[in-house]
Amino acid sequence: MIEAALLSHAVRLDDVTVTHYCTCSRCCGKSDGITASGRRATPGVSVAVDPSIIPLGSDVLVDYGDGELHYYRADDTGSAVKGAHIDLCMESHEAAIQAGVRTATIYFIEEGAI
């Protein structure tokens, strides 16, 4: 019921490329962990987006087709994150590599829209 209410306010994007990163220098070129929004990159919470598509601060819901919605916050941007592409923050470089590249339907709700 809550998910249905959230989705009624969301913008849907199909066939979004989902990649993964961590805050190490191999992924970010810097390791301070501060995102484009000024927040600390938080594994399992932060996602990098193209802000011309998904505004920073938006709630991002990812549907991999597994019957669950996975919740994140658009905290960051990335030089390789353009168009229908998001990059999820992971706890380690190994976890980011292991998670690989996926395709999903995502929904986003701009900050303050509800």
N, C-alpha and C. Protein backbone atom coordinates (compact mmCIF):
# COMPACT_ATOMS: atom_id res chain seq x y z
N MET A 1 0.83 -1.18 0.00
CA MET A 1 0.00 0.00 0.00
C MET A 1 0.88 1.25 0.00
N ILE A 2 1.92 1.30 0.83
CA ILE A 2 2.82 2.45 0.85
C ILE A 2 3.55 2.56 -0.48
N GLU A 3 4.00 1.42 -1.01
CA GLU A 3 4.71 1.45 -2.30
C GLU A 3 3.80 1.98 -3.40
N ALA A 4 2.54 1.60 -3.40
CA ALA A 4 1.61 2.09 -4.42
C ALA A 4 1.45 3.60 -4.31
N ALA A 5 1.38 4.11 -3.08
CA ALA A 5 1.27 5.56 -2.88
C ALA A 5 2.52 6.27 -3.37
N LEU A 6 3.69 5.71 -3.08
CA LEU A 6 4.94 6.31 -3.56
C LEU A 6 5.00 6.31 -5.08
N LEU A 7 4.67 5.18 -5.68
CA LEU A 7 4.77 5.06 -7.13
C LEU A 7 3.80 5.99 -7.86
N SER A 8 2.70 6.35 -7.21
CA SER A 8 1.75 7.26 -7.84
C SER A 8 2.35 8.66 -8.02
N HIS A 9 3.41 8.98 -7.27
CA HIS A 9 4.10 10.27 -7.37
C HIS A 9 5.41 10.18 -8.14
N ALA A 10 5.74 9.02 -8.64
CA ALA A 10 7.07 8.78 -9.22
C ALA A 10 7.09 8.90 -10.73
N VAL A 11 8.28 9.19 -11.23
CA VAL A 11 8.57 9.14 -12.66
C VAL A 11 9.21 7.79 -12.93
N ARG A 12 8.75 7.09 -13.95
CA ARG A 12 9.25 5.75 -14.28
C ARG A 12 10.25 5.83 -15.44
N LEU A 13 11.36 5.12 -15.30
CA LEU A 13 12.34 4.98 -16.37
C LEU A 13 12.60 3.49 -16.58
N ASP A 14 12.41 3.01 -17.79
CA ASP A 14 12.65 1.60 -18.11
C ASP A 14 14.05 1.41 -18.69
N ASP A 15 14.54 0.18 -18.60
CA ASP A 15 15.82 -0.21 -19.20
C ASP A 15 16.98 0.67 -18.75
N VAL A 16 17.06 0.90 -17.46
CA VAL A 16 18.14 1.70 -16.89
C VAL A 16 19.33 0.79 -16.58
N THR A 17 20.52 1.22 -16.96
CA THR A 17 21.74 0.49 -16.64
C THR A 17 22.10 0.78 -15.19
N VAL A 18 22.34 -0.29 -14.43
CA VAL A 18 22.71 -0.17 -13.02
C VAL A 18 24.12 -0.71 -12.84
N THR A 19 25.03 0.17 -12.43
CA THR A 19 26.40 -0.24 -12.12
C THR A 19 26.65 0.03 -10.64
N HIS A 20 27.85 -0.28 -10.19
CA HIS A 20 28.16 -0.21 -8.76
C HIS A 20 29.54 0.39 -8.55
N TYR A 21 29.68 1.16 -7.48
CA TYR A 21 30.96 1.77 -7.14
C TYR A 21 31.16 1.75 -5.63
N CYS A 22 32.38 2.04 -5.21
CA CYS A 22 32.66 2.26 -3.80
C CYS A 22 33.45 3.57 -3.71
N THR A 23 33.85 3.96 -2.54
CA THR A 23 34.52 5.24 -2.37
C THR A 23 36.04 5.15 -2.50
N CYS A 24 36.55 4.02 -2.99
CA CYS A 24 38.00 3.88 -3.14
C CYS A 24 38.52 4.73 -4.29
N SER A 25 39.83 4.92 -4.33
CA SER A 25 40.44 5.74 -5.38
C SER A 25 40.30 5.11 -6.76
N ARG A 26 40.17 3.78 -6.83
CA ARG A 26 39.97 3.13 -8.13
C ARG A 26 38.62 3.49 -8.73
N CYS A 27 37.61 3.63 -7.89
CA CYS A 27 36.27 3.96 -8.38
C CYS A 27 36.06 5.46 -8.52
N CYS A 28 36.61 6.23 -7.59
CA CYS A 28 36.27 7.66 -7.53
C CYS A 28 37.42 8.61 -7.83
N GLY A 29 38.65 8.10 -7.82
CA GLY A 29 39.78 8.99 -8.02
C GLY A 29 40.11 9.80 -6.78
N LYS A 30 39.26 9.73 -5.79
CA LYS A 30 39.48 10.35 -4.49
C LYS A 30 38.82 9.44 -3.47
N SER A 31 39.18 9.57 -2.24
CA SER A 31 38.61 8.63 -1.27
C SER A 31 38.01 9.32 -0.06
N ASP A 32 37.62 10.60 -0.19
CA ASP A 32 37.01 11.26 0.97
C ASP A 32 35.56 10.88 1.17
N GLY A 33 34.93 10.29 0.15
CA GLY A 33 33.56 9.78 0.30
C GLY A 33 32.49 10.84 0.30
N ILE A 34 32.82 12.09 -0.03
CA ILE A 34 31.82 13.15 -0.07
C ILE A 34 31.22 13.21 -1.48
N THR A 35 29.91 13.20 -1.54
CA THR A 35 29.20 13.16 -2.82
C THR A 35 28.95 14.56 -3.38
N ALA A 36 28.41 14.60 -4.58
CA ALA A 36 28.08 15.87 -5.24
C ALA A 36 27.05 16.67 -4.45
N SER A 37 26.23 16.00 -3.65
CA SER A 37 25.22 16.68 -2.84
C SER A 37 25.78 17.18 -1.52
N GLY A 38 27.05 16.83 -1.22
CA GLY A 38 27.66 17.22 0.05
C GLY A 38 27.48 16.18 1.14
N ARG A 39 26.70 15.15 0.86
CA ARG A 39 26.51 14.07 1.83
C ARG A 39 27.65 13.06 1.71
N ARG A 40 27.85 12.29 2.75
CA ARG A 40 28.82 11.20 2.70
C ARG A 40 28.21 10.05 1.90
N ALA A 41 28.99 9.46 0.99
CA ALA A 41 28.52 8.28 0.24
C ALA A 41 28.26 7.15 1.22
N THR A 42 27.05 6.61 1.18
CA THR A 42 26.64 5.59 2.13
C THR A 42 26.26 4.32 1.37
N PRO A 43 27.01 3.23 1.60
CA PRO A 43 26.67 1.97 0.93
C PRO A 43 25.22 1.56 1.21
N GLY A 44 24.54 1.13 0.17
CA GLY A 44 23.15 0.70 0.32
C GLY A 44 22.15 1.84 0.37
N VAL A 45 22.63 3.09 0.32
CA VAL A 45 21.75 4.26 0.36
C VAL A 45 22.01 5.17 -0.83
N SER A 46 23.27 5.53 -1.03
CA SER A 46 23.63 6.52 -2.05
C SER A 46 23.67 5.93 -3.45
N VAL A 47 23.20 6.72 -4.40
CA VAL A 47 23.27 6.35 -5.81
C VAL A 47 23.71 7.58 -6.60
N ALA A 48 24.60 7.35 -7.56
CA ALA A 48 25.01 8.41 -8.47
C ALA A 48 24.07 8.41 -9.67
N VAL A 49 23.71 9.61 -10.11
CA VAL A 49 22.74 9.78 -11.19
C VAL A 49 23.22 10.85 -12.16
N ASP A 50 22.58 10.93 -13.30
CA ASP A 50 22.73 12.06 -14.21
C ASP A 50 21.69 13.08 -13.74
N PRO A 51 22.12 14.21 -13.15
CA PRO A 51 21.14 15.14 -12.59
C PRO A 51 20.25 15.82 -13.62
N SER A 52 20.58 15.69 -14.91
CA SER A 52 19.66 16.21 -15.93
C SER A 52 18.47 15.27 -16.13
N ILE A 53 18.58 14.05 -15.62
CA ILE A 53 17.51 13.06 -15.70
C ILE A 53 16.84 12.89 -14.34
N ILE A 54 17.64 12.66 -13.30
CA ILE A 54 17.15 12.45 -11.94
C ILE A 54 17.77 13.52 -11.04
N PRO A 55 16.98 14.42 -10.49
CA PRO A 55 17.53 15.47 -9.64
C PRO A 55 18.20 14.92 -8.38
N LEU A 56 19.31 15.54 -7.98
CA LEU A 56 19.95 15.17 -6.72
C LEU A 56 18.94 15.34 -5.58
N GLY A 57 19.00 14.46 -4.61
CA GLY A 57 18.08 14.48 -3.48
C GLY A 57 16.83 13.65 -3.69
N SER A 58 16.60 13.19 -4.92
CA SER A 58 15.42 12.37 -5.21
C SER A 58 15.52 11.02 -4.53
N ASP A 59 14.37 10.47 -4.18
CA ASP A 59 14.30 9.06 -3.77
C ASP A 59 14.30 8.24 -5.04
N VAL A 60 15.09 7.18 -5.06
CA VAL A 60 15.21 6.32 -6.23
C VAL A 60 14.81 4.91 -5.82
N LEU A 61 13.84 4.34 -6.51
CA LEU A 61 13.37 2.99 -6.25
C LEU A 61 13.75 2.13 -7.44
N VAL A 62 14.44 1.04 -7.19
CA VAL A 62 14.94 0.17 -8.25
C VAL A 62 14.15 -1.13 -8.24
N ASP A 63 13.63 -1.50 -9.40
CA ASP A 63 12.87 -2.74 -9.58
C ASP A 63 13.63 -3.64 -10.54
N TYR A 64 14.25 -4.69 -9.98
CA TYR A 64 14.99 -5.65 -10.80
C TYR A 64 14.08 -6.75 -11.34
N GLY A 65 12.79 -6.66 -11.06
CA GLY A 65 11.86 -7.69 -11.50
C GLY A 65 11.79 -8.86 -10.55
N ASP A 66 12.31 -8.67 -9.32
CA ASP A 66 12.32 -9.75 -8.33
C ASP A 66 11.18 -9.64 -7.32
N GLY A 67 10.23 -8.72 -7.59
CA GLY A 67 9.09 -8.56 -6.71
C GLY A 67 9.33 -7.59 -5.56
N GLU A 68 10.53 -7.01 -5.48
CA GLU A 68 10.85 -6.06 -4.42
C GLU A 68 11.30 -4.74 -5.04
N LEU A 69 11.03 -3.66 -4.33
CA LEU A 69 11.59 -2.36 -4.69
C LEU A 69 12.75 -2.08 -3.75
N HIS A 70 13.86 -1.65 -4.29
CA HIS A 70 15.06 -1.36 -3.52
C HIS A 70 15.20 0.16 -3.48
N TYR A 71 15.31 0.73 -2.27
CA TYR A 71 15.26 2.17 -2.06
C TYR A 71 16.65 2.77 -1.92
N TYR A 72 16.88 3.89 -2.61
CA TYR A 72 18.15 4.62 -2.55
C TYR A 72 17.85 6.12 -2.59
N ARG A 73 18.91 6.92 -2.43
CA ARG A 73 18.78 8.38 -2.52
C ARG A 73 19.80 8.89 -3.54
N ALA A 74 19.38 9.78 -4.41
CA ALA A 74 20.26 10.36 -5.43
C ALA A 74 21.19 11.38 -4.77
N ASP A 75 22.35 10.90 -4.33
CA ASP A 75 23.31 11.73 -3.61
C ASP A 75 24.46 12.21 -4.47
N ASP A 76 24.74 11.53 -5.57
CA ASP A 76 26.02 11.73 -6.24
C ASP A 76 25.84 11.80 -7.75
N THR A 77 26.89 12.24 -8.42
CA THR A 77 26.98 12.21 -9.87
C THR A 77 28.28 11.49 -10.21
N GLY A 78 28.48 11.21 -11.47
CA GLY A 78 29.72 10.57 -11.88
C GLY A 78 29.99 10.86 -13.34
N SER A 79 31.25 10.95 -13.69
CA SER A 79 31.60 11.31 -15.07
C SER A 79 31.09 10.29 -16.08
N ALA A 80 30.94 9.04 -15.66
CA ALA A 80 30.46 7.99 -16.57
C ALA A 80 28.95 7.75 -16.44
N VAL A 81 28.30 8.47 -15.54
CA VAL A 81 26.86 8.28 -15.30
C VAL A 81 26.11 9.31 -16.14
N LYS A 82 25.63 8.86 -17.29
CA LYS A 82 24.93 9.73 -18.23
C LYS A 82 23.65 9.06 -18.70
N GLY A 83 22.58 9.83 -18.81
CA GLY A 83 21.32 9.30 -19.32
C GLY A 83 20.70 8.28 -18.39
N ALA A 84 20.18 7.22 -18.96
CA ALA A 84 19.48 6.17 -18.21
C ALA A 84 20.49 5.22 -17.59
N HIS A 85 21.20 5.71 -16.59
CA HIS A 85 22.27 4.97 -15.93
C HIS A 85 22.34 5.45 -14.49
N ILE A 86 22.39 4.53 -13.54
CA ILE A 86 22.64 4.86 -12.14
C ILE A 86 23.79 4.01 -11.64
N ASP A 87 24.47 4.48 -10.60
CA ASP A 87 25.65 3.82 -10.05
C ASP A 87 25.46 3.73 -8.53
N LEU A 88 25.26 2.52 -8.02
CA LEU A 88 24.95 2.31 -6.61
C LEU A 88 26.22 2.21 -5.78
N CYS A 89 26.24 2.87 -4.63
CA CYS A 89 27.38 2.82 -3.71
C CYS A 89 27.38 1.50 -2.94
N MET A 90 28.52 0.84 -2.96
CA MET A 90 28.70 -0.45 -2.29
C MET A 90 29.73 -0.31 -1.17
N GLU A 91 29.80 -1.30 -0.29
CA GLU A 91 30.68 -1.23 0.87
C GLU A 91 32.15 -1.47 0.54
N SER A 92 32.45 -2.09 -0.58
CA SER A 92 33.85 -2.35 -0.93
C SER A 92 34.00 -2.44 -2.45
N HIS A 93 35.25 -2.32 -2.90
CA HIS A 93 35.53 -2.44 -4.33
C HIS A 93 35.16 -3.85 -4.82
N GLU A 94 35.48 -4.84 -4.02
CA GLU A 94 35.17 -6.23 -4.40
C GLU A 94 33.67 -6.43 -4.55
N ALA A 95 32.88 -5.86 -3.64
CA ALA A 95 31.42 -5.97 -3.72
C ALA A 95 30.89 -5.26 -4.97
N ALA A 96 31.48 -4.11 -5.30
CA ALA A 96 31.06 -3.37 -6.49
C ALA A 96 31.34 -4.18 -7.76
N ILE A 97 32.51 -4.79 -7.83
CA ILE A 97 32.86 -5.60 -9.00
C ILE A 97 31.95 -6.82 -9.08
N GLN A 98 31.75 -7.48 -7.94
CA GLN A 98 30.93 -8.70 -7.91
C GLN A 98 29.48 -8.41 -8.31
N ALA A 99 28.96 -7.25 -7.96
CA ALA A 99 27.56 -6.90 -8.28
C ALA A 99 27.36 -6.73 -9.79
N GLY A 100 28.40 -6.36 -10.50
CA GLY A 100 28.33 -6.31 -11.95
C GLY A 100 27.44 -5.22 -12.50
N VAL A 101 26.96 -5.44 -13.70
CA VAL A 101 26.08 -4.50 -14.42
C VAL A 101 24.73 -5.18 -14.61
N ARG A 102 23.68 -4.45 -14.29
CA ARG A 102 22.33 -4.98 -14.43
C ARG A 102 21.47 -3.97 -15.18
N THR A 103 20.29 -4.40 -15.55
CA THR A 103 19.29 -3.51 -16.14
C THR A 103 18.05 -3.59 -15.26
N ALA A 104 17.43 -2.43 -15.02
CA ALA A 104 16.27 -2.40 -14.14
C ALA A 104 15.32 -1.30 -14.58
N THR A 105 14.11 -1.37 -14.05
CA THR A 105 13.17 -0.26 -14.12
C THR A 105 13.38 0.54 -12.85
N ILE A 106 13.49 1.84 -12.98
CA ILE A 106 13.60 2.65 -11.77
C ILE A 106 12.48 3.67 -11.75
N TYR A 107 12.19 4.11 -10.54
CA TYR A 107 11.23 5.16 -10.29
C TYR A 107 11.95 6.20 -9.45
N PHE A 108 11.67 7.47 -9.70
CA PHE A 108 12.24 8.48 -8.82
C PHE A 108 11.18 9.49 -8.43
N ILE A 109 11.34 9.98 -7.22
CA ILE A 109 10.44 10.98 -6.66
C ILE A 109 11.31 12.14 -6.22
N GLU A 110 11.10 13.30 -6.80
CA GLU A 110 11.91 14.45 -6.46
C GLU A 110 11.75 14.82 -5.00
N GLU A 111 12.84 15.26 -4.40
CA GLU A 111 12.84 15.69 -3.01
C GLU A 111 11.75 16.74 -2.81
N GLY A 112 10.93 16.54 -1.79
CA GLY A 112 9.86 17.48 -1.48
C GLY A 112 8.58 17.29 -2.28
N ALA A 113 8.53 16.30 -3.16
CA ALA A 113 7.35 16.10 -4.01
C ALA A 113 6.17 15.51 -3.26
N ILE A 114 6.44 14.88 -2.13
CA ILE A 114 5.35 14.26 -1.37
C ILE A 114 5.15 15.02 -0.07
